[in-house]
Amino acid sequence: MTLLPMSVILIVFGFWTVVPSRAGDAAASVEHKTPHYGIIDPTLLATGYSGKESLVYDVSWTGGIKIGELHLQINALPGVADGFEIRATVTTKNAAIDLIYPIKDVHITRVQGPKKLPYHYEIWQKEGRNYRAHRVIEFNQETGEIKYTKNDKLEDVFKVNGETNNEFSSFFNSRLMDFPIGGGFIVPTFADEKRVEVLVNAIATKKFDETVIGPVNTVEIMPIMTFEGLYDKKGDTVIWYTNDECRVPVMINSKIIIGSLTAELTAYENPACTRYPSVAEKKTE
């Protein structure tokens, strides 16, 4: 699916990205052996899926120019056993570009079960003055059938072999897996109309002296993939998760054709993570 160029700018930093051949150089330090499928560590579920987590990011282009915000929430689903909703809002809110090309895209992924696999993915897109779209993707993890609907019209039905995540559940589930430095694991992800086995590499550790939640030790993670997903993307993406039971993604950086984009955590709340203080989102008039 190819969308308007501005939506690329706001999501390219995000969850998973196309990595060209040069990505192999960046991951050269990773131990070369057959990777296994990543498994969620049950001891991390209480914090990773507390049902009350909220994260806000400022998205900036090279040079620190703010171009938008990303708002993420993981909420428990009332009446759904072991069910959660991952809500992501990508917006030009509080950025000068909003006056020229306003964007507000809302992505909702509903997951269930011990592996937190998606069964429903819904997208509302509002881009520019006129572009509007509503997309729904239904996952049947048992049969491998995936139905894609756009603007209330069934567009296609796909068949995959094996269980699969979407791009958002991949992001949140992979952070709850073991990060062996110099090693990697596979997270199967549905994108570009097929099931892709995404290799997630743990590259190194890094300390950030200043973040919105204070000084943190992190693990530098790089997903290696060959698909574009919902948005066209180019370049390497690196994610820094805190190296503890909370696995807070404090920063995300993605190289693009011109420069790079950075998403920096500006607000955080998760009552299940007692290690870090809650930091409220700054209100603007």
Protein backbone atom coordinates (compact mmCIF):
# COMPACT_ATOMS: atom_id res chain seq x y z
CA MET A 1 0.00 0.00 0.00
CA THR A 2 1.47 3.36 -0.95
CA LEU A 3 0.20 6.37 0.95
CA LEU A 4 0.86 10.10 0.86
CA PRO A 5 4.49 11.17 1.40
CA MET A 6 3.90 13.02 4.68
CA SER A 7 2.59 9.91 6.38
CA VAL A 8 5.93 8.30 5.56
CA ILE A 9 7.75 11.02 7.47
CA LEU A 10 5.71 10.46 10.60
CA ILE A 11 5.85 6.69 10.80
CA VAL A 12 9.18 5.82 9.23
CA PHE A 13 11.00 6.04 12.56
CA GLY A 14 8.59 3.56 14.01
CA PHE A 15 8.29 -0.07 14.55
CA TRP A 16 9.86 -2.01 11.74
CA THR A 17 11.59 -0.89 8.57
CA VAL A 18 13.06 -1.94 5.27
CA VAL A 19 16.76 -2.58 5.68
CA PRO A 20 18.84 -2.41 2.46
CA SER A 21 21.90 -4.53 1.88
CA ARG A 22 24.14 -2.20 3.90
CA ALA A 23 22.22 -3.15 7.05
CA GLY A 24 24.32 -6.27 7.18
CA ASP A 25 27.32 -4.11 8.03
CA ALA A 26 25.54 -2.50 10.98
CA ALA A 27 24.67 -5.92 12.35
CA ALA A 28 28.02 -7.50 11.62
CA SER A 29 28.78 -7.97 15.30
CA VAL A 30 25.79 -10.28 15.73
CA GLU A 31 26.75 -13.91 16.22
CA HIS A 32 26.10 -15.95 13.08
CA LYS A 33 24.00 -18.93 14.01
CA THR A 34 20.52 -20.13 13.23
CA PRO A 35 18.15 -17.82 15.15
CA HIS A 36 15.20 -19.18 17.08
CA TYR A 37 11.65 -17.88 17.28
CA GLY A 38 11.38 -15.27 20.00
CA ILE A 39 9.36 -16.27 23.07
CA ILE A 40 7.76 -13.76 25.44
CA ASP A 41 9.31 -13.96 28.90
CA PRO A 42 6.33 -14.55 31.25
CA THR A 43 8.11 -12.63 34.02
CA LEU A 44 7.91 -9.48 31.86
CA LEU A 45 4.20 -9.73 31.01
CA ALA A 46 3.03 -7.95 34.14
CA THR A 47 4.82 -4.76 33.14
CA GLY A 48 4.70 -5.10 29.35
CA TYR A 49 0.96 -5.79 29.33
CA SER A 50 -0.18 -4.05 32.51
CA GLY A 51 -3.21 -2.76 30.62
CA LYS A 52 -2.48 0.83 31.67
CA GLU A 53 0.70 1.80 29.84
CA SER A 54 0.98 5.11 27.98
CA LEU A 55 3.92 6.53 26.01
CA VAL A 56 4.28 9.79 24.06
CA TYR A 57 7.08 10.68 21.64
CA ASP A 58 8.21 13.81 19.85
CA VAL A 59 9.23 13.02 16.28
CA SER A 60 12.03 15.15 14.85
CA TRP A 61 13.85 15.33 11.54
CA THR A 62 17.61 15.80 11.22
CA GLY A 63 18.62 18.94 13.10
CA GLY A 64 15.88 18.66 15.72
CA ILE A 65 12.98 19.99 13.64
CA LYS A 66 9.78 18.64 15.21
CA ILE A 67 7.41 17.22 12.62
CA GLY A 68 4.88 15.40 14.77
CA GLU A 69 4.04 13.16 17.70
CA LEU A 70 3.40 9.50 18.37
CA HIS A 71 1.01 8.48 21.16
CA LEU A 72 1.01 4.82 22.25
CA GLN A 73 -1.26 3.06 24.72
CA ILE A 74 -1.74 -0.53 25.82
CA ASN A 75 -5.16 -0.93 27.42
CA ALA A 76 -6.86 -4.01 28.85
CA LEU A 77 -9.97 -5.02 26.89
CA PRO A 78 -13.02 -5.25 29.17
CA GLY A 79 -14.84 -8.55 28.79
CA VAL A 80 -12.06 -10.15 26.71
CA ALA A 81 -10.08 -12.79 28.57
CA ASP A 82 -6.36 -11.98 28.36
CA GLY A 83 -7.17 -9.37 25.71
CA PHE A 84 -5.44 -6.04 25.15
CA GLU A 85 -5.66 -3.12 22.76
CA ILE A 86 -2.57 -1.43 21.33
CA ARG A 87 -3.57 2.08 20.26
CA ALA A 88 -1.17 4.21 18.24
CA THR A 89 -1.91 7.75 17.08
CA VAL A 90 0.42 9.40 14.58
CA THR A 91 -0.19 13.14 14.32
CA THR A 92 1.31 16.46 13.24
CA LYS A 93 -0.06 17.93 16.46
CA ASN A 94 2.09 20.71 17.98
CA ALA A 95 4.29 20.89 14.86
CA ALA A 96 4.40 23.77 12.39
CA ILE A 97 3.73 21.39 9.50
CA ASP A 98 0.22 20.82 10.88
CA LEU A 99 -0.84 24.15 9.36
CA ILE A 100 0.20 22.97 5.90
CA TYR A 101 -0.54 19.26 5.93
CA PRO A 102 -2.40 17.99 9.01
CA ILE A 103 -2.25 14.28 9.74
CA LYS A 104 -4.00 12.12 12.29
CA ASP A 105 -3.74 8.38 11.74
CA VAL A 106 -5.10 6.03 14.41
CA HIS A 107 -4.02 2.38 14.50
CA ILE A 108 -5.75 -0.08 16.82
CA THR A 109 -4.44 -3.63 17.25
CA ARG A 110 -6.28 -6.09 19.48
CA VAL A 111 -4.28 -9.03 20.79
CA GLN A 112 -5.16 -12.04 22.92
CA GLY A 113 -3.67 -15.16 24.47
CA PRO A 114 -0.30 -16.00 26.03
CA LYS A 115 1.58 -14.99 22.86
CA LYS A 116 -0.37 -11.71 22.50
CA LEU A 117 -1.10 -12.34 18.83
CA PRO A 118 -3.40 -9.99 16.88
CA TYR A 119 -6.92 -10.90 15.88
CA HIS A 120 -8.14 -7.44 14.81
CA TYR A 121 -6.28 -4.49 13.31
CA GLU A 122 -8.07 -1.26 12.40
CA ILE A 123 -6.75 1.95 10.87
CA TRP A 124 -8.38 5.35 10.48
CA GLN A 125 -6.44 7.74 8.26
CA LYS A 126 -6.93 11.50 8.04
CA GLU A 127 -4.20 13.06 5.94
CA GLY A 128 -4.16 16.49 4.35
CA ARG A 129 -7.46 18.23 3.75
CA ASN A 130 -9.17 15.48 1.80
CA TYR A 131 -7.64 12.01 2.19
CA ARG A 132 -9.68 9.69 4.39
CA ALA A 133 -9.53 5.90 4.68
CA HIS A 134 -10.71 3.16 7.02
CA ARG A 135 -8.99 -0.22 6.89
CA VAL A 136 -9.67 -3.42 8.82
CA ILE A 137 -7.52 -6.56 8.91
CA GLU A 138 -8.91 -9.64 10.67
CA PHE A 139 -6.52 -12.41 11.73
CA ASN A 140 -7.54 -16.02 12.26
CA GLN A 141 -4.42 -17.41 13.94
CA GLU A 142 -5.72 -20.99 13.87
CA THR A 143 -6.49 -21.23 10.14
CA GLY A 144 -3.98 -18.65 8.88
CA GLU A 145 -6.72 -16.72 7.08
CA ILE A 146 -6.37 -12.93 7.02
CA LYS A 147 -9.17 -10.71 5.67
CA TYR A 148 -8.47 -7.18 4.45
CA THR A 149 -11.29 -4.63 4.18
CA LYS A 150 -11.01 -1.02 3.01
CA ASN A 151 -13.81 1.49 3.44
CA ASP A 152 -16.27 -1.33 4.27
CA LYS A 153 -15.42 -3.29 1.11
CA LEU A 154 -13.69 -6.67 1.27
CA GLU A 155 -10.53 -6.21 -0.78
CA ASP A 156 -8.71 -9.50 -0.32
CA VAL A 157 -8.27 -12.67 1.71
CA PHE A 158 -4.77 -13.94 2.40
CA LYS A 159 -3.55 -17.31 3.60
CA VAL A 160 -0.37 -17.72 5.65
CA ASN A 161 1.33 -20.71 7.21
CA GLY A 162 1.82 -20.26 10.92
CA GLU A 163 1.00 -17.71 13.57
CA THR A 164 1.85 -14.09 12.86
CA ASN A 165 2.05 -10.63 14.39
CA ASN A 166 1.32 -7.33 12.72
CA GLU A 167 3.82 -4.45 12.86
CA PHE A 168 2.51 -3.10 16.16
CA SER A 169 2.27 -6.36 18.08
CA SER A 170 5.75 -7.21 16.78
CA PHE A 171 7.10 -4.03 18.35
CA PHE A 172 5.51 -4.58 21.75
CA ASN A 173 5.97 -8.35 21.88
CA SER A 174 9.62 -8.37 20.84
CA ARG A 175 10.55 -6.04 23.71
CA LEU A 176 9.43 -8.79 26.12
CA MET A 177 11.78 -11.38 24.67
CA ASP A 178 15.33 -12.26 25.70
CA PHE A 179 17.96 -9.82 24.37
CA PRO A 180 21.25 -11.76 24.11
CA ILE A 181 23.85 -9.17 23.08
CA GLY A 182 25.39 -10.31 19.82
CA GLY A 183 22.48 -12.66 19.14
CA GLY A 184 19.03 -12.46 17.65
CA PHE A 185 15.62 -14.04 17.33
CA ILE A 186 12.77 -14.22 14.81
CA VAL A 187 9.38 -12.51 15.13
CA PRO A 188 6.96 -13.53 12.33
CA THR A 189 5.09 -10.49 11.03
CA PHE A 190 2.33 -10.05 8.43
CA ALA A 191 3.22 -7.23 6.01
CA ASP A 192 3.09 -6.66 2.26
CA GLU A 193 0.43 -9.37 1.98
CA LYS A 194 2.64 -12.13 3.35
CA ARG A 195 4.12 -13.60 6.52
CA VAL A 196 7.70 -12.43 6.97
CA GLU A 197 10.18 -13.89 9.45
CA VAL A 198 11.75 -10.76 10.92
CA LEU A 199 15.20 -11.13 12.44
CA VAL A 200 15.62 -8.96 15.55
CA ASN A 201 19.23 -8.37 16.56
CA ALA A 202 20.53 -7.18 19.93
CA ILE A 203 23.51 -5.07 18.89
CA ALA A 204 24.94 -3.49 22.04
CA THR A 205 24.22 -1.82 25.36
CA LYS A 206 24.16 1.95 25.80
CA LYS A 207 23.67 4.34 28.70
CA PHE A 208 21.56 7.48 28.32
CA ASP A 209 22.44 10.03 30.98
CA GLU A 210 19.34 12.11 30.30
CA THR A 211 15.88 10.88 29.37
CA VAL A 212 12.44 11.96 30.48
CA ILE A 213 12.47 9.11 33.04
CA GLY A 214 16.03 9.81 34.17
CA PRO A 215 19.38 8.08 33.45
CA VAL A 216 18.86 4.62 31.94
CA ASN A 217 20.84 1.63 30.70
CA THR A 218 19.49 0.34 27.41
CA VAL A 219 19.81 -2.45 24.86
CA GLU A 220 20.19 -1.37 21.24
CA ILE A 221 17.87 -3.42 19.03
CA MET A 222 17.78 -3.56 15.24
CA PRO A 223 15.06 -5.43 13.31
CA ILE A 224 16.24 -6.68 9.92
CA MET A 225 13.52 -6.98 7.31
CA THR A 226 12.82 -6.85 3.62
CA PHE A 227 9.28 -5.48 3.57
CA GLU A 228 7.77 -1.99 3.52
CA GLY A 229 4.58 -2.61 5.47
CA LEU A 230 1.78 -0.06 5.64
CA TYR A 231 4.15 2.82 4.84
CA ASP A 232 7.03 3.04 2.37
CA LYS A 233 10.25 3.20 4.38
CA LYS A 234 13.98 3.30 3.62
CA GLY A 235 16.97 2.84 5.90
CA ASP A 236 17.97 1.27 9.21
CA THR A 237 15.82 1.56 12.33
CA VAL A 238 17.34 1.23 15.80
CA ILE A 239 15.33 1.03 19.03
CA TRP A 240 16.71 1.56 22.53
CA TYR A 241 14.81 -0.32 25.27
CA THR A 242 15.66 0.04 28.95
CA ASN A 243 17.62 -3.01 30.02
CA ASP A 244 15.32 -4.03 32.87
CA GLU A 245 11.89 -5.47 33.61
CA CYS A 246 10.08 -2.39 32.23
CA ARG A 247 11.64 -2.47 28.73
CA VAL A 248 10.71 1.16 28.06
CA PRO A 249 11.51 2.22 24.47
CA VAL A 250 13.16 5.57 25.23
CA MET A 251 14.33 6.40 21.73
CA ILE A 252 13.88 5.25 18.13
CA ASN A 253 15.99 6.39 15.19
CA SER A 254 15.51 5.70 11.52
CA LYS A 255 17.64 6.66 8.56
CA ILE A 256 15.73 7.93 5.55
CA ILE A 257 16.73 8.97 2.04
CA ILE A 258 17.53 12.47 3.32
CA GLY A 259 18.84 12.55 6.89
CA SER A 260 17.20 10.68 9.73
CA LEU A 261 14.20 10.77 12.03
CA THR A 262 14.23 10.43 15.80
CA ALA A 263 11.39 9.64 18.18
CA GLU A 264 12.22 10.65 21.75
CA LEU A 265 10.11 9.67 24.74
CA THR A 266 8.48 12.75 26.29
CA ALA A 267 5.81 11.22 28.55
CA TYR A 268 5.44 7.85 30.26
CA GLU A 269 3.02 6.12 32.58
CA ASN A 270 2.84 2.50 33.67
CA PRO A 271 1.72 1.75 37.24
CA ALA A 272 3.26 -1.73 36.96
CA CYS A 273 6.72 -0.24 36.42
CA THR A 274 7.82 1.06 39.81
CA ARG A 275 11.40 1.60 38.66
CA TYR A 276 10.58 4.82 36.80
CA PRO A 277 8.37 7.79 37.69
CA SER A 278 5.29 8.69 35.72
CA VAL A 279 5.89 11.71 33.51
CA ALA A 280 2.77 13.49 32.31
CA GLU A 281 2.32 14.71 28.77
CA LYS A 282 2.95 18.44 28.45
CA LYS A 283 -0.24 20.34 27.72
CA THR A 284 -0.25 23.01 25.05
CA GLU A 285 -2.79 25.77 24.66
